[in-house]
Amino acid sequence: MSAPPVAEPQSTAVRAKKKVKAVSRQQLSFGQRLRRDWPLLLMCFPAMALLLVFHYLPALGNIIAFQDYNPFVGDDPLEAFLYSEWIGFGNFEYLFKTQAFWDSVTTTLSITAFQLVFYFPIPIALAVLLNSIMSPRIRSLVQSIVYLPHFFSWVLVVSLFQMMLGGAGLLAQTLRQAGHTPPEIMTNPDTFMFLITSEAIWKDAGWGMIVFLAALAAIDPSLYEAAAADGAGRWRRMWHITLPGLRSVIVLLLILRLGDALNVGFEQFVLQREMVGREAAEVVDTYVYYQGIAVQQWGVGAAAGLFKAAVGILLIVGANKLAHRFGEQGIYSKR
C-alpha cells in the first residue's frame, strides 16, 4: 500500500502575505515611511511648490490690512512692510463705514443667490441628459461642444454676446429690419443679473458637469436593470437611483459654492461695468480694484480680501454642519 500523502508546506505566496500583514500592523517610523513613499512625495512636489509660492507666501502680505501701507517706504518690499505705519483695525473701520462697500457686498450676495437657483442645477441636468444618450459618438460630440466655451476668455465671451445681443448686434439688426424696436439687453441694469448668469451658463455649465458625469459613472448599472425589471419608468429611475447617487457630490459642490459666495468673478464684471453702471456691476472684487488698488489704498483692498475670506470660512463651516445634520459627509467627516 502506498503511504498517505504528506501535507505540503504553505506556499511562498501565503507566507509572504502573512508577513506583509504582520508588518502592516506594526507602526512604521518616519524614516521607513519616507523611504516607502518618496516616489509619491516626489510626484506631489510640483503641486506643493505651486501652492507654497502662489498661495501661502502671498498670504503673508495680508499684514498690510492692518497698516497704512506705502510701497515707496524703504528700499525694498520688506522694508515697506517694516516701516509702514501700523493702524490696527483702521482699514476695517473705513470699510464698514463706507456705504459703497456694503452695496458691493449686497450685489455680490444677490448674484450668488440668483446663480445658485438658476445656474447651479444646469450642470446637473446636462450630466443626466448626456448620460442618457446611448450612442458613444453622439455623446462625445455633445461633450466636446459644451466643453469648448470654458476655454474662451471672458473678453471673447462678452464680445460674442455683444455681437449677438448688443445695440448693433445680430438680434437688434434683425428686429429693426422687421420694424420692431430692439430691447436693451447689454446696457440695461435691470436685466444685468440675467445677462451675467446667461454668460456663465454658456461658458462654464458644460465644464461643470464633468464632476457629475464621474459620479454617474460610479452608479452600479445593475440598479437600473433591477428597477426596469420591476416596472420603474425613466423618471422613477432618475428619482430613486440617479439623484441619490449624485446627492453627496451635489452637497459637496454646494458647500464649496457657498464658501465662495463673495467671489463671483472679476473680469466678467469689470468688462461690463461701464455699460450698465457701477450700481449694477459693482461687486466686492471690482470694489477692491477701483477703491483699493486703483487709488493706491492697499490696506483697504487687503482688508476687503480678509473680510471675504472670513465670511467664506464661516459659510463653509456652517453649511458643512448643516450637511452633517442631514446625514451627508460634507467636506470633512463629523468626528
Protein backbone atom coordinates (compact mmCIF):
# COMPACT_ATOMS: atom_id res chain seq x y z
CA MET A 1 0.00 0.00 0.00
CA SER A 2 1.13 3.49 -0.77
CA ALA A 3 1.91 5.82 2.05
CA PRO A 4 -0.66 8.53 2.87
CA PRO A 5 0.04 11.92 1.26
CA VAL A 6 2.15 14.26 3.32
CA ALA A 7 0.71 17.73 3.85
CA GLU A 8 2.61 20.21 1.70
CA PRO A 9 4.14 23.21 3.40
CA GLN A 10 2.44 26.51 2.96
CA SER A 11 3.21 28.17 -0.32
CA THR A 12 5.62 31.07 -0.52
CA ALA A 13 2.81 33.47 -1.54
CA VAL A 14 0.74 32.63 1.53
CA ARG A 15 3.70 33.09 3.86
CA ALA A 16 4.62 36.39 2.21
CA LYS A 17 1.03 37.62 2.57
CA LYS A 18 1.02 36.82 6.28
CA LYS A 19 4.37 38.54 6.68
CA VAL A 20 3.06 41.70 4.98
CA LYS A 21 0.04 41.73 7.28
CA ALA A 22 2.28 41.35 10.31
CA VAL A 23 4.50 44.22 9.16
CA SER A 24 1.49 46.41 8.36
CA ARG A 25 0.28 46.00 11.94
CA GLN A 26 3.50 47.49 13.22
CA GLN A 27 3.80 51.24 13.32
CA LEU A 28 6.40 52.35 10.80
CA SER A 29 8.85 55.08 11.70
CA PHE A 30 9.04 58.35 9.81
CA GLY A 31 12.19 57.25 8.02
CA GLN A 32 10.59 53.98 6.91
CA ARG A 33 7.51 55.77 5.62
CA LEU A 34 9.73 58.27 3.82
CA ARG A 35 11.72 55.51 2.10
CA ARG A 36 8.50 53.77 1.17
CA ASP A 37 6.57 56.80 -0.13
CA TRP A 38 9.28 59.02 -1.63
CA PRO A 39 8.07 58.46 -5.25
CA LEU A 40 4.60 59.69 -4.28
CA LEU A 41 6.05 62.68 -2.44
CA LEU A 42 8.19 63.50 -5.47
CA MET A 43 5.08 63.44 -7.67
CA CYS A 44 3.29 65.82 -5.29
CA PHE A 45 6.23 68.22 -5.00
CA PRO A 46 5.41 70.44 -8.05
CA ALA A 47 1.84 70.99 -6.85
CA MET A 48 3.01 71.71 -3.30
CA ALA A 49 5.61 74.15 -4.63
CA LEU A 50 2.96 75.99 -6.63
CA LEU A 51 0.69 76.24 -3.58
CA LEU A 52 3.56 77.48 -1.44
CA VAL A 53 4.80 80.11 -3.90
CA PHE A 54 1.47 81.42 -5.21
CA HIS A 55 -0.86 80.92 -2.21
CA TYR A 56 0.83 80.58 1.16
CA LEU A 57 3.71 83.02 0.75
CA PRO A 58 1.48 85.80 -0.69
CA ALA A 59 -0.88 85.25 2.27
CA LEU A 60 1.80 86.79 4.48
CA GLY A 61 1.10 90.07 2.68
CA ASN A 62 -2.27 90.28 4.42
CA ILE A 63 -0.44 92.10 7.17
CA ILE A 64 -0.95 95.30 5.15
CA ALA A 65 -4.64 95.10 6.07
CA PHE A 66 -3.52 96.40 9.47
CA GLN A 67 -1.15 99.04 8.09
CA ASP A 68 -1.26 102.31 6.23
CA TYR A 69 0.88 100.56 3.67
CA ASN A 70 3.16 102.62 1.49
CA PRO A 71 5.17 100.61 -1.06
CA PHE A 72 7.56 103.54 -1.57
CA VAL A 73 8.87 103.48 2.00
CA GLY A 74 12.31 101.90 2.21
CA ASP A 75 14.46 100.41 -0.48
CA ASP A 76 12.70 97.06 -0.94
CA PRO A 77 9.30 95.43 -0.26
CA LEU A 78 10.46 94.03 3.07
CA GLU A 79 11.35 97.50 4.36
CA ALA A 80 8.00 98.78 3.11
CA PHE A 81 6.32 96.19 5.33
CA LEU A 82 8.50 97.06 8.29
CA TYR A 83 8.35 100.84 8.04
CA SER A 84 4.70 101.35 7.06
CA GLU A 85 2.57 102.80 9.85
CA TRP A 86 0.64 100.27 11.93
CA ILE A 87 -3.01 101.36 12.27
CA GLY A 88 -4.64 98.21 13.67
CA PHE A 89 -8.25 97.85 12.51
CA GLY A 90 -8.38 101.28 10.91
CA ASN A 91 -8.83 99.89 7.39
CA PHE A 92 -11.68 97.66 8.54
CA GLU A 93 -13.38 100.61 10.23
CA TYR A 94 -13.11 102.56 7.00
CA LEU A 95 -14.64 99.66 5.05
CA PHE A 96 -17.51 99.08 7.43
CA LYS A 97 -18.40 102.79 7.46
CA THR A 98 -18.41 103.06 3.65
CA GLN A 99 -21.82 102.57 2.07
CA ALA A 100 -20.30 101.69 -1.31
CA PHE A 101 -18.62 98.64 0.23
CA TRP A 102 -21.88 97.34 1.67
CA ASP A 103 -23.60 97.99 -1.66
CA SER A 104 -20.97 95.81 -3.37
CA VAL A 105 -21.46 93.08 -0.75
CA THR A 106 -25.24 93.19 -1.26
CA THR A 107 -24.85 92.99 -5.04
CA THR A 108 -22.41 90.10 -4.75
CA LEU A 109 -24.66 88.09 -2.44
CA SER A 110 -27.69 88.77 -4.64
CA ILE A 111 -25.84 87.47 -7.69
CA THR A 112 -24.67 84.39 -5.77
CA ALA A 113 -28.21 83.60 -4.58
CA PHE A 114 -29.59 84.10 -8.08
CA GLN A 115 -26.98 81.83 -9.66
CA LEU A 116 -27.48 79.15 -7.01
CA VAL A 117 -31.09 78.88 -8.19
CA PHE A 118 -30.69 79.34 -11.94
CA TYR A 119 -27.11 78.26 -12.68
CA PHE A 120 -26.14 75.55 -10.19
CA PRO A 121 -28.77 72.99 -11.38
CA ILE A 122 -27.81 73.36 -15.08
CA PRO A 123 -24.64 71.19 -14.98
CA ILE A 124 -26.58 68.52 -13.08
CA ALA A 125 -29.33 68.47 -15.71
CA LEU A 126 -26.77 68.40 -18.53
CA ALA A 127 -24.94 65.47 -16.95
CA VAL A 128 -28.17 63.48 -16.51
CA LEU A 129 -29.27 64.19 -20.08
CA LEU A 130 -25.86 63.38 -21.54
CA ASN A 131 -25.65 60.18 -19.52
CA SER A 132 -28.94 59.02 -21.07
CA ILE A 133 -27.53 59.21 -24.61
CA MET A 134 -26.77 55.68 -25.72
CA SER A 135 -24.57 56.40 -28.75
CA PRO A 136 -20.92 56.96 -27.71
CA ARG A 137 -20.23 59.05 -30.82
CA ILE A 138 -23.09 61.45 -30.20
CA ARG A 139 -22.14 61.66 -26.53
CA SER A 140 -18.53 62.53 -27.37
CA LEU A 141 -19.68 65.14 -29.88
CA VAL A 142 -22.00 66.82 -27.38
CA GLN A 143 -19.32 66.74 -24.69
CA SER A 144 -16.81 68.44 -26.98
CA ILE A 145 -19.32 71.14 -27.93
CA VAL A 146 -20.35 72.01 -24.37
CA TYR A 147 -16.77 71.83 -23.00
CA LEU A 148 -15.32 74.21 -25.58
CA PRO A 149 -16.66 77.59 -24.26
CA HIS A 150 -14.87 77.03 -20.94
CA PHE A 151 -11.56 77.67 -22.67
CA PHE A 152 -12.69 81.04 -24.05
CA SER A 153 -11.59 84.14 -22.16
CA TRP A 154 -14.20 86.45 -20.70
CA VAL A 155 -13.14 89.10 -23.21
CA LEU A 156 -14.17 86.78 -26.04
CA VAL A 157 -17.39 85.70 -24.31
CA VAL A 158 -18.54 89.28 -23.66
CA SER A 159 -17.60 90.23 -27.24
CA LEU A 160 -19.69 87.35 -28.63
CA PHE A 161 -22.70 88.35 -26.54
CA GLN A 162 -22.21 91.97 -27.65
CA MET A 163 -22.20 90.94 -31.31
CA MET A 164 -25.33 88.85 -30.80
CA LEU A 165 -27.37 90.90 -28.31
CA GLY A 166 -25.82 94.38 -28.38
CA GLY A 167 -27.33 97.52 -29.87
CA ALA A 168 -25.58 96.86 -33.18
CA GLY A 169 -25.74 93.09 -32.85
CA LEU A 170 -27.48 90.45 -34.91
CA LEU A 171 -30.68 90.40 -32.86
CA ALA A 172 -31.08 94.20 -32.89
CA GLN A 173 -30.49 94.45 -36.64
CA THR A 174 -32.96 91.65 -37.36
CA LEU A 175 -35.65 93.31 -35.24
CA ARG A 176 -35.05 96.71 -36.86
CA GLN A 177 -35.39 95.20 -40.33
CA ALA A 178 -38.69 93.68 -39.23
CA GLY A 179 -39.91 97.09 -37.99
CA HIS A 180 -39.54 96.43 -34.26
CA THR A 181 -37.61 98.30 -31.59
CA PRO A 182 -34.85 96.08 -30.19
CA PRO A 183 -34.62 95.72 -26.41
CA GLU A 184 -31.64 97.00 -24.46
CA ILE A 185 -30.04 93.78 -23.26
CA MET A 186 -26.35 94.56 -22.86
CA THR A 187 -26.86 98.02 -21.32
CA ASN A 188 -29.92 97.50 -19.12
CA PRO A 189 -29.04 97.49 -15.39
CA ASP A 190 -32.36 95.85 -14.51
CA THR A 191 -31.59 92.72 -16.53
CA PHE A 192 -27.85 92.62 -15.85
CA MET A 193 -28.18 89.72 -13.42
CA PHE A 194 -29.92 87.62 -16.07
CA LEU A 195 -27.24 88.60 -18.59
CA ILE A 196 -24.22 87.58 -16.49
CA THR A 197 -25.94 84.33 -15.46
CA SER A 198 -26.62 83.52 -19.11
CA GLU A 199 -22.99 84.21 -19.94
CA ALA A 200 -21.82 82.00 -17.07
CA ILE A 201 -24.12 79.17 -18.16
CA TRP A 202 -22.92 79.34 -21.76
CA LYS A 203 -19.28 79.42 -20.71
CA ASP A 204 -18.98 77.06 -17.74
CA ALA A 205 -22.06 74.84 -17.43
CA GLY A 206 -20.60 72.21 -19.75
CA TRP A 207 -17.31 72.16 -17.88
CA GLY A 208 -19.12 71.98 -14.54
CA MET A 209 -20.91 68.77 -15.45
CA ILE A 210 -17.65 66.76 -15.58
CA VAL A 211 -17.81 66.02 -11.84
CA PHE A 212 -21.41 64.89 -12.11
CA LEU A 213 -20.63 62.63 -15.08
CA ALA A 214 -17.92 60.98 -12.99
CA ALA A 215 -20.41 60.45 -10.16
CA LEU A 216 -22.94 58.96 -12.60
CA ALA A 217 -20.31 56.55 -13.92
CA ALA A 218 -19.85 55.22 -10.37
CA ILE A 219 -23.52 54.15 -10.07
CA ASP A 220 -23.98 50.39 -10.46
CA PRO A 221 -25.82 49.70 -13.78
CA SER A 222 -27.48 46.66 -12.21
CA LEU A 223 -29.59 49.06 -10.12
CA TYR A 224 -31.16 50.46 -13.29
CA GLU A 225 -31.68 46.96 -14.68
CA ALA A 226 -33.38 45.78 -11.49
CA ALA A 227 -35.58 48.88 -11.36
CA ALA A 228 -36.57 48.45 -15.02
CA ALA A 229 -37.39 44.78 -14.40
CA ASP A 230 -39.69 45.87 -11.55
CA GLY A 231 -41.54 48.22 -13.90
CA ALA A 232 -39.94 51.55 -12.92
CA GLY A 233 -40.06 54.12 -15.69
CA ARG A 234 -37.32 56.57 -16.67
CA TRP A 235 -38.48 59.27 -14.26
CA ARG A 236 -38.69 56.89 -11.33
CA ARG A 237 -35.23 55.51 -12.08
CA MET A 238 -33.86 59.02 -12.18
CA TRP A 239 -35.61 60.00 -8.93
CA HIS A 240 -34.73 56.88 -6.93
CA ILE A 241 -31.33 55.91 -8.39
CA THR A 242 -29.67 58.76 -10.31
CA LEU A 243 -30.34 61.67 -7.97
CA PRO A 244 -29.47 59.72 -4.78
CA GLY A 245 -26.23 58.68 -6.48
CA LEU A 246 -25.44 62.35 -7.14
CA ARG A 247 -26.55 63.64 -3.74
CA SER A 248 -23.17 63.56 -2.00
CA VAL A 249 -21.45 65.33 -4.91
CA ILE A 250 -24.21 67.94 -5.09
CA VAL A 251 -23.91 68.67 -1.37
CA LEU A 252 -20.12 68.92 -1.60
CA LEU A 253 -20.16 71.36 -4.52
CA LEU A 254 -22.97 73.36 -2.93
CA ILE A 255 -20.92 73.81 0.23
CA LEU A 256 -17.90 74.92 -1.79
CA ARG A 257 -20.05 77.37 -3.75
CA LEU A 258 -21.44 78.84 -0.55
CA GLY A 259 -17.89 79.31 0.69
CA ASP A 260 -17.25 81.30 -2.49
CA ALA A 261 -20.35 83.44 -2.02
CA LEU A 262 -18.40 86.72 -2.10
CA ASN A 263 -16.34 85.67 -5.11
CA VAL A 264 -18.43 85.88 -8.28
CA GLY A 265 -15.59 86.86 -10.58
CA PHE A 266 -13.74 89.95 -11.68
CA GLU A 267 -13.15 90.03 -15.45
CA GLN A 268 -16.79 89.45 -16.37
CA PHE A 269 -17.89 92.44 -14.28
CA VAL A 270 -15.07 94.85 -14.98
CA LEU A 271 -15.61 94.39 -18.73
CA GLN A 272 -19.31 95.33 -18.48
CA ARG A 273 -19.19 97.82 -15.62
CA GLU A 274 -19.23 100.89 -17.84
CA MET A 275 -22.13 99.58 -19.96
CA VAL A 276 -24.58 99.07 -17.09
CA GLY A 277 -23.20 101.39 -14.42
CA ARG A 278 -21.46 100.96 -11.10
CA GLU A 279 -24.68 100.33 -9.13
CA ALA A 280 -25.49 97.15 -11.08
CA ALA A 281 -22.00 95.75 -11.69
CA GLU A 282 -20.03 96.72 -8.59
CA VAL A 283 -19.15 93.50 -6.76
CA VAL A 284 -16.58 93.04 -3.99
CA ASP A 285 -13.74 92.25 -6.40
CA THR A 286 -14.33 95.33 -8.54
CA TYR A 287 -14.70 97.44 -5.39
CA VAL A 288 -11.29 96.25 -4.21
CA TYR A 289 -9.79 97.16 -7.58
CA TYR A 290 -11.36 100.60 -8.02
CA GLN A 291 -11.42 101.71 -4.38
CA GLY A 292 -8.23 99.96 -3.25
CA ILE A 293 -5.67 99.25 -5.94
CA ALA A 294 -6.56 101.98 -8.46
CA VAL A 295 -6.31 104.72 -5.81
CA GLN A 296 -3.36 103.03 -4.04
CA GLN A 297 -5.26 102.27 -0.83
CA TRP A 298 -3.51 98.93 -0.48
CA GLY A 299 -4.56 98.37 3.13
CA VAL A 300 -8.24 98.86 2.29
CA GLY A 301 -8.02 96.32 -0.50
CA ALA A 302 -6.28 93.79 1.76
CA ALA A 303 -8.89 94.35 4.48
CA ALA A 304 -11.68 93.64 1.98
CA GLY A 305 -9.90 90.45 0.95
CA LEU A 306 -9.62 89.29 4.56
CA PHE A 307 -13.29 90.07 5.08
CA LYS A 308 -14.14 87.87 2.08
CA ALA A 309 -12.01 85.04 3.46
CA ALA A 310 -13.59 85.24 6.93
CA VAL A 311 -17.12 85.19 5.52
CA GLY A 312 -16.21 82.26 3.26
CA ILE A 313 -14.84 80.22 6.15
CA LEU A 314 -17.95 80.87 8.26
CA LEU A 315 -20.25 79.88 5.39
CA ILE A 316 -18.30 76.68 4.68
CA VAL A 317 -18.30 75.62 8.33
CA GLY A 318 -21.99 76.44 8.73
CA ALA A 319 -23.02 74.67 5.53
CA ASN A 320 -20.90 71.65 6.42
CA LYS A 321 -22.56 71.35 9.84
CA LEU A 322 -25.95 71.62 8.17
CA ALA A 323 -24.94 68.80 5.79
CA HIS A 324 -23.97 66.64 8.78
CA ARG A 325 -27.43 67.17 10.27
CA PHE A 326 -28.98 65.84 7.08
CA GLY A 327 -26.72 62.77 7.17
CA GLU A 328 -24.24 63.86 4.50
CA GLN A 329 -20.47 63.73 4.84
CA GLY A 330 -19.82 67.23 3.50
CA ILE A 331 -16.25 68.45 3.06
CA TYR A 332 -14.93 66.66 6.13
CA SER A 333 -16.37 63.85 8.22
CA LYS A 334 -18.06 64.50 11.54
CA ARG A 335 -15.95 63.27 14.43
